[in-house]
Amino acid sequence: MTIEIIIQAIISGLLMGFIYALIAAGLSLIFGLMGIVNFAHGEHLMLSMFSSFWLWTLLG
């Protein structure tokens, strides 16, 4: 493996970790304040990921 692949894997892992941390923070904040689990976070995540993929393929 070359150093470029290793650096790309590390950066990709960190970015996915940040996304998971934001999801966890949002879920724990809503659960802590309201006392219920709000599953709308998953829907917003799905829509934002789909929009990001669509823009990525559209703009190249």
Protein backbone atom coordinates (compact mmCIF):
# COMPACT_ATOMS: atom_id res chain seq x y z
CA MET A 1 0.00 0.00 0.00
CA THR A 2 1.20 3.44 -0.84
CA ILE A 3 1.20 6.37 1.52
CA GLU A 4 -1.52 8.13 -0.53
CA ILE A 5 -3.95 5.26 0.02
CA ILE A 6 -3.19 5.19 3.74
CA ILE A 7 -3.72 8.94 4.09
CA GLN A 8 -6.97 8.75 2.11
CA ALA A 9 -8.22 5.90 4.31
CA ILE A 10 -7.37 7.84 7.48
CA ILE A 11 -9.14 10.98 6.25
CA SER A 12 -12.19 8.99 5.14
CA GLY A 13 -12.35 7.27 8.51
CA LEU A 14 -12.12 10.56 10.37
CA LEU A 15 -14.86 12.14 8.28
CA MET A 16 -17.19 9.18 8.83
CA GLY A 17 -16.39 9.35 12.54
CA PHE A 18 -17.37 13.02 12.60
CA ILE A 19 -20.66 12.20 10.87
CA TYR A 20 -21.40 9.46 13.42
CA ALA A 21 -20.51 11.84 16.26
CA LEU A 22 -22.91 14.48 14.95
CA ILE A 23 -25.69 11.90 14.66
CA ALA A 24 -25.04 10.64 18.19
CA ALA A 25 -24.93 14.17 19.60
CA GLY A 26 -28.23 15.06 17.95
CA LEU A 27 -29.96 11.89 19.13
CA SER A 28 -28.70 12.22 22.69
CA LEU A 29 -29.64 15.90 22.83
CA ILE A 30 -33.21 15.23 21.68
CA PHE A 31 -33.54 12.19 23.94
CA GLY A 32 -32.17 14.14 26.92
CA LEU A 33 -34.51 17.08 26.44
CA MET A 34 -37.70 15.37 25.33
CA GLY A 35 -37.30 11.91 26.82
CA ILE A 36 -38.32 10.20 23.57
CA VAL A 37 -36.35 8.87 20.64
CA ASN A 38 -36.92 10.92 17.50
CA PHE A 39 -36.24 8.88 14.38
CA ALA A 40 -36.47 11.89 12.06
CA HIS A 41 -32.68 12.21 12.30
CA GLY A 42 -32.32 9.13 10.13
CA GLU A 43 -34.61 10.58 7.51
CA HIS A 44 -32.68 13.84 7.40
CA LEU A 45 -29.41 11.94 7.19
CA MET A 46 -30.72 9.83 4.32
CA LEU A 47 -31.92 12.90 2.42
CA SER A 48 -28.66 14.78 2.95
CA MET A 49 -26.55 11.80 1.87
CA PHE A 50 -28.70 11.32 -1.23
CA SER A 51 -28.44 15.02 -2.05
CA SER A 52 -24.67 14.94 -1.59
CA PHE A 53 -24.36 11.90 -3.86
CA TRP A 54 -26.61 13.50 -6.46
CA LEU A 55 -24.54 16.71 -6.48
CA TRP A 56 -21.30 14.71 -6.59
CA THR A 57 -22.41 12.79 -9.68
CA LEU A 58 -23.91 15.89 -11.31
CA LEU A 59 -20.88 18.13 -10.85
CA GLY A 60 -18.26 15.44 -11.21
